[in-house]
Amino acid sequence: MSSRGALSRTVEVMRAPGKRPERGRFRSRYAGLSRRRRTLLAVVTSLMVAAAVASAVAAVVGGGDRPSGATGPGGPPQNRPGPVLLVPGYGGSTSALDALAARIRASGRAATVIQLPGAGTGSLVADAALLNSAVDSYLHQGAPSVDVVGYSAGGVVALIWVRHDDGAARARRIVTLGSPFHGTRLAAEAEALAPGACPEACQQLVPGSPLLDGLRVTDPAGLPRWLSLWTSSDQVVTPPDSARLAGAINVGVQSVCSTARISHSELPTSPVVVAMVLQALGRGQLARPTAASCGVSS
């Protein structure tokens, strides 16, 4: 039977004489009520409708702030943290992230720093494929999910992975530090003044590059829970709020700790930032950092 035929039969059944008496009986019962009872019935009905509408609106609007243990669409549970993968920035140096990984391990979590190929200046897409392989390895070993910490361009690598490799279904949460999601003027200047000194990753970090344009940094859809931190003293990622990502909890460190003096290279080792990262990777609900992190010392 065609869908049109099915629709026609449904309409016919709805219009059949046998279906009308229910409405008629209701009207007769309603008409038989006193004015006071009719008024009360109308008020109760209105309240029920209002409550249903409010519940539906809350489900839509509140979806971005789900309680701990809830999941996004297809996302892993928040109360079962798995291993942490840390992705270095441009140039591939791991020394700063090695120190952060040690702090994460001290909190009882497994933590691995990804080793980028070559000099760490090749394609960020290739780096994302390497991250994907590391995630697959952990998941095949039985991990429920992963957390990812991306430093500088490593945060862009994490976003590439999320967009291209269904990262939202496998990452419990992501924390990025000074990541140029909108590019950095430093890369644009390098490409303009000395093109030969601006390798592939540098070119990809030029504002408006095809890679960045394709990452939909202004579209909050499809992201796992995400905290993006940056420092107003950043002279590498310029402007510093290029780290702002739609759908993430976006926090300039100085908006929480106004006296913090942190350079771009100090982001992974600053006691203030480390405290914020450890809090974000905990079992509790991911939330904006508080001033409690400001007085932390190494």
Protein backbone atom coordinates (compact mmCIF):
# COMPACT_ATOMS: atom_id res chain seq x y z
CA MET A 1 0.00 0.00 0.00
CA SER A 2 1.37 3.44 -0.85
CA SER A 3 1.96 6.02 1.86
CA ARG A 4 -0.69 8.19 0.24
CA GLY A 5 -3.19 5.35 0.46
CA ALA A 6 -2.30 4.77 4.10
CA LEU A 7 -2.77 8.45 4.84
CA SER A 8 -6.14 8.46 3.10
CA ARG A 9 -7.37 5.47 5.14
CA THR A 10 -6.19 7.16 8.34
CA VAL A 11 -8.13 10.29 7.44
CA GLU A 12 -11.17 8.18 6.61
CA VAL A 13 -11.04 6.40 9.96
CA MET A 14 -10.67 9.72 11.78
CA ARG A 15 -13.68 11.04 9.93
CA ALA A 16 -15.78 7.90 10.41
CA PRO A 17 -19.10 8.46 12.22
CA GLY A 18 -18.11 5.98 14.90
CA LYS A 19 -15.33 8.30 16.09
CA ARG A 20 -17.42 11.38 16.71
CA PRO A 21 -19.44 10.33 19.78
CA GLU A 22 -16.38 10.58 22.06
CA ARG A 23 -16.05 14.29 21.30
CA GLY A 24 -19.80 14.70 21.63
CA ARG A 25 -19.89 12.97 25.00
CA PHE A 26 -17.05 15.17 26.25
CA ARG A 27 -18.85 18.31 25.16
CA SER A 28 -22.03 17.21 26.85
CA ARG A 29 -20.20 16.40 30.07
CA TYR A 30 -18.35 19.75 29.97
CA ALA A 31 -21.61 21.60 29.37
CA GLY A 32 -23.14 19.86 32.36
CA LEU A 33 -20.49 21.16 34.77
CA SER A 34 -21.10 24.23 36.90
CA ARG A 35 -19.40 27.45 35.88
CA ARG A 36 -17.01 27.15 38.83
CA ARG A 37 -15.98 23.60 37.87
CA ARG A 38 -15.53 24.61 34.23
CA THR A 39 -13.27 27.48 35.31
CA LEU A 40 -11.23 25.18 37.55
CA LEU A 41 -10.87 22.62 34.75
CA ALA A 42 -9.67 25.34 32.36
CA VAL A 43 -7.07 26.58 34.86
CA VAL A 44 -5.74 23.08 35.55
CA THR A 45 -5.52 22.33 31.82
CA SER A 46 -3.63 25.57 31.20
CA LEU A 47 -1.15 24.79 33.97
CA MET A 48 -0.54 21.29 32.57
CA VAL A 49 0.10 22.68 29.10
CA ALA A 50 2.43 25.36 30.50
CA ALA A 51 4.38 22.76 32.47
CA ALA A 52 4.76 20.55 29.40
CA VAL A 53 6.02 23.48 27.33
CA ALA A 54 8.46 24.55 30.06
CA SER A 55 9.79 21.00 30.32
CA ALA A 56 10.34 20.80 26.57
CA VAL A 57 12.13 24.17 26.50
CA ALA A 58 14.35 23.17 29.42
CA ALA A 59 15.30 19.96 27.65
CA VAL A 60 16.44 21.94 24.60
CA VAL A 61 18.05 24.94 26.27
CA GLY A 62 19.63 23.00 29.11
CA GLY A 63 21.12 20.36 26.86
CA GLY A 64 24.53 22.07 26.91
CA ASP A 65 24.84 21.83 30.69
CA ARG A 66 23.98 18.23 31.46
CA PRO A 67 24.62 16.76 34.91
CA SER A 68 27.67 14.64 35.60
CA GLY A 69 27.28 11.15 34.20
CA ALA A 70 25.00 12.27 31.39
CA THR A 71 26.13 11.95 27.80
CA GLY A 72 25.82 14.04 24.71
CA PRO A 73 24.43 12.46 21.55
CA GLY A 74 26.44 9.25 21.27
CA GLY A 75 28.96 10.52 23.81
CA PRO A 76 30.63 8.51 26.58
CA PRO A 77 29.55 8.70 30.25
CA GLN A 78 31.06 11.56 32.21
CA ASN A 79 31.51 9.58 35.43
CA ARG A 80 33.86 6.98 33.90
CA PRO A 81 37.07 8.81 32.95
CA GLY A 82 39.56 6.96 30.81
CA PRO A 83 43.17 7.72 29.89
CA VAL A 84 44.36 11.20 28.97
CA LEU A 85 46.11 11.95 25.67
CA LEU A 86 48.17 15.17 25.44
CA VAL A 87 48.92 16.72 22.04
CA PRO A 88 51.93 19.05 21.68
CA GLY A 89 51.91 22.33 19.82
CA TYR A 90 53.75 23.59 16.76
CA GLY A 91 57.29 22.23 16.70
CA GLY A 92 56.33 19.07 18.58
CA SER A 93 58.26 19.72 21.81
CA THR A 94 56.95 17.50 24.59
CA SER A 95 58.89 18.82 27.59
CA ALA A 96 56.13 21.10 28.94
CA LEU A 97 53.43 18.48 28.38
CA ASP A 98 55.59 15.77 29.98
CA ALA A 99 55.45 17.78 33.21
CA LEU A 100 51.68 18.19 32.93
CA ALA A 101 51.28 14.47 32.16
CA ALA A 102 53.21 13.65 35.35
CA ARG A 103 50.77 15.77 37.37
CA ILE A 104 47.84 13.98 35.75
CA ARG A 105 49.36 10.58 36.53
CA ALA A 106 49.85 11.67 40.14
CA SER A 107 46.09 12.20 40.31
CA GLY A 108 45.58 8.53 39.43
CA ARG A 109 44.96 8.77 35.68
CA ALA A 110 46.91 7.22 32.81
CA ALA A 111 48.42 9.95 30.64
CA THR A 112 50.34 9.75 27.36
CA VAL A 113 51.99 12.55 25.39
CA ILE A 114 51.61 12.06 21.64
CA GLN A 115 54.90 12.15 19.74
CA LEU A 116 54.36 14.15 16.55
CA PRO A 117 56.22 13.01 13.43
CA GLY A 118 59.27 14.85 12.12
CA ALA A 119 59.80 18.34 13.47
CA GLY A 120 56.16 18.77 14.43
CA THR A 121 55.62 21.27 11.63
CA GLY A 122 53.94 18.98 9.10
CA SER A 123 50.25 18.72 8.32
CA LEU A 124 47.95 19.09 11.31
CA VAL A 125 45.63 16.64 9.57
CA ALA A 126 48.35 13.98 9.73
CA ASP A 127 48.81 14.79 13.43
CA ALA A 128 45.06 14.27 13.93
CA ALA A 129 45.34 10.86 12.27
CA LEU A 130 48.10 9.98 14.74
CA LEU A 131 45.85 11.07 17.62
CA ASN A 132 43.07 8.94 16.20
CA SER A 133 45.34 5.88 16.14
CA ALA A 134 46.26 6.44 19.78
CA VAL A 135 42.58 6.76 20.73
CA ASP A 136 41.73 3.57 18.84
CA SER A 137 44.51 1.73 20.66
CA TYR A 138 43.19 2.72 24.09
CA LEU A 139 39.59 1.92 23.21
CA HIS A 140 40.55 -1.49 21.85
CA GLN A 141 42.20 -2.16 25.21
CA GLY A 142 38.87 -1.55 26.92
CA ALA A 143 39.01 2.14 27.88
CA PRO A 144 35.49 3.63 28.11
CA SER A 145 36.65 6.89 26.51
CA VAL A 146 39.58 9.29 26.45
CA ASP A 147 40.21 12.83 27.59
CA VAL A 148 42.36 15.01 25.35
CA VAL A 149 44.55 17.96 26.32
CA GLY A 150 45.75 20.01 23.37
CA TYR A 151 48.43 22.67 23.77
CA SER A 152 48.62 25.48 21.20
CA ALA A 153 48.29 23.93 17.72
CA GLY A 154 47.64 20.62 19.48
CA GLY A 155 44.20 21.97 20.31
CA VAL A 156 43.55 22.53 16.60
CA VAL A 157 44.65 18.92 16.05
CA ALA A 158 42.07 17.85 18.63
CA LEU A 159 39.36 19.80 16.80
CA ILE A 160 40.34 18.23 13.47
CA TRP A 161 40.04 14.83 15.11
CA VAL A 162 36.62 15.65 16.56
CA ARG A 163 35.30 16.93 13.24
CA HIS A 164 36.78 14.23 11.00
CA ASP A 165 36.99 11.11 13.17
CA ASP A 166 33.82 11.22 15.29
CA GLY A 167 35.76 12.39 18.29
CA ALA A 168 32.62 13.52 20.10
CA ALA A 169 31.56 9.88 20.45
CA ARG A 170 34.88 8.86 21.99
CA ALA A 171 36.16 11.85 23.96
CA ARG A 172 34.66 12.35 27.40
CA ARG A 173 36.01 15.90 27.44
CA ILE A 174 38.71 18.05 25.87
CA VAL A 175 40.85 20.80 27.38
CA THR A 176 42.83 23.14 25.14
CA LEU A 177 45.52 25.65 26.11
CA GLY A 178 46.16 28.73 23.97
CA SER A 179 44.92 27.05 20.79
CA PRO A 180 44.59 29.25 17.67
CA PHE A 181 41.22 28.04 16.39
CA HIS A 182 40.89 31.24 14.37
CA GLY A 183 44.57 31.27 13.41
CA THR A 184 47.37 33.54 14.55
CA ARG A 185 48.72 36.71 12.99
CA LEU A 186 52.24 35.39 13.63
CA ALA A 187 51.68 32.67 11.03
CA ALA A 188 50.24 35.18 8.57
CA GLU A 189 53.30 37.42 8.99
CA ALA A 190 55.67 34.49 8.56
CA GLU A 191 53.94 33.39 5.36
CA ALA A 192 53.97 36.94 3.97
CA LEU A 193 57.56 37.84 4.89
CA ALA A 194 59.32 34.49 4.50
CA PRO A 195 57.13 31.92 2.74
CA GLY A 196 59.93 29.37 2.72
CA ALA A 197 60.13 29.56 6.50
CA CYS A 198 56.42 28.81 6.95
CA PRO A 199 55.96 25.03 6.62
CA GLU A 200 52.63 23.27 6.20
CA ALA A 201 51.41 23.56 9.79
CA CYS A 202 52.33 27.25 9.81
CA GLN A 203 50.33 27.79 6.61
CA GLN A 204 47.36 25.95 8.11
CA LEU A 205 47.39 28.33 11.10
CA VAL A 206 47.10 31.46 8.98
CA PRO A 207 43.73 33.11 9.76
CA GLY A 208 41.20 32.15 7.10
CA SER A 209 43.19 29.15 5.85
CA PRO A 210 41.16 26.43 4.11
CA LEU A 211 41.84 24.08 7.03
CA LEU A 212 40.55 26.48 9.70
CA ASP A 213 37.57 27.51 7.59
CA GLY A 214 36.62 23.84 7.29
CA LEU A 215 36.63 23.25 11.05
CA ARG A 216 33.45 25.28 11.69
CA VAL A 217 34.91 27.02 14.73
CA THR A 218 31.78 29.16 15.08
CA ASP A 219 29.46 26.14 15.02
CA PRO A 220 28.88 24.60 18.48
CA ALA A 221 27.24 21.47 17.10
CA GLY A 222 28.99 18.13 17.40
CA LEU A 223 31.52 18.97 20.12
CA PRO A 224 32.18 16.95 23.27
CA ARG A 225 32.42 18.83 26.55
CA TRP A 226 35.26 21.28 26.05
CA LEU A 227 37.22 23.81 28.12
CA SER A 228 39.34 26.31 26.21
CA LEU A 229 41.86 28.29 28.26
CA TRP A 230 44.12 31.11 27.10
CA THR A 231 46.28 33.87 28.53
CA SER A 232 45.94 37.55 27.71
CA SER A 233 49.76 37.75 27.76
CA ASP A 234 50.04 35.43 24.75
CA GLN A 235 52.40 36.83 22.09
CA VAL A 236 52.44 33.66 19.96
CA VAL A 237 48.72 33.18 19.40
CA THR A 238 47.57 36.65 18.45
CA PRO A 239 45.02 37.77 19.26
CA PRO A 240 44.93 35.55 22.36
CA ASP A 241 41.17 35.04 22.16
CA SER A 242 41.68 33.22 18.87
CA ALA A 243 41.37 30.33 21.33
CA ARG A 244 37.65 31.01 21.63
CA LEU A 245 35.60 28.08 20.29
CA ALA A 246 31.82 28.06 19.89
CA GLY A 247 30.28 25.40 22.12
CA ALA A 248 33.20 25.30 24.56
CA ILE A 249 33.55 26.83 28.01
CA ASN A 250 35.84 29.69 26.97
CA VAL A 251 38.01 31.18 29.71
CA GLY A 252 40.80 33.71 29.62
CA VAL A 253 42.89 32.80 32.66
CA GLN A 254 43.09 36.44 33.74
CA SER A 255 39.28 36.67 33.78
CA VAL A 256 39.49 34.29 36.76
CA CYS A 257 42.90 35.16 38.18
CA SER A 258 43.44 38.81 37.29
CA THR A 259 47.03 39.03 38.54
CA ALA A 260 48.28 35.90 36.74
CA ARG A 261 51.25 36.55 34.49
CA ILE A 262 51.49 33.62 32.10
CA SER A 263 53.14 33.50 28.69
CA HIS A 264 52.12 31.17 25.88
CA SER A 265 54.95 28.74 26.61
CA GLU A 266 54.08 28.70 30.32
CA LEU A 267 50.48 27.56 29.83
CA PRO A 268 51.15 23.80 30.33
CA THR A 269 53.32 24.34 33.45
CA SER A 270 51.73 27.31 35.23
CA PRO A 271 50.44 26.09 38.62
CA VAL A 272 47.26 28.11 38.07
CA VAL A 273 46.58 26.51 34.68
CA VAL A 274 47.57 23.03 35.88
CA ALA A 275 45.03 23.34 38.70
CA MET A 276 42.35 24.32 36.18
CA VAL A 277 43.25 21.40 33.93
CA LEU A 278 43.18 18.86 36.76
CA GLN A 279 39.81 20.17 37.90
CA ALA A 280 38.45 19.94 34.35
CA LEU A 281 39.62 16.33 34.02
CA GLY A 282 37.95 15.22 37.25
CA ARG A 283 34.79 13.18 37.67
CA GLY A 284 32.63 16.19 38.51
CA GLN A 285 30.68 18.19 35.97
CA LEU A 286 32.86 20.26 33.64
CA ALA A 287 32.47 23.87 34.69
CA ARG A 288 34.12 27.25 34.44
CA PRO A 289 37.23 27.46 36.67
CA THR A 290 36.89 29.43 39.89
CA ALA A 291 39.22 31.68 41.87
CA ALA A 292 40.14 28.66 43.99
CA SER A 293 42.78 27.93 41.33
CA CYS A 294 44.40 31.34 41.68
CA GLY A 295 46.27 30.75 44.92
CA VAL A 296 47.77 27.42 43.87
CA SER A 297 51.54 27.15 43.97
CA SER A 298 53.78 24.51 42.40
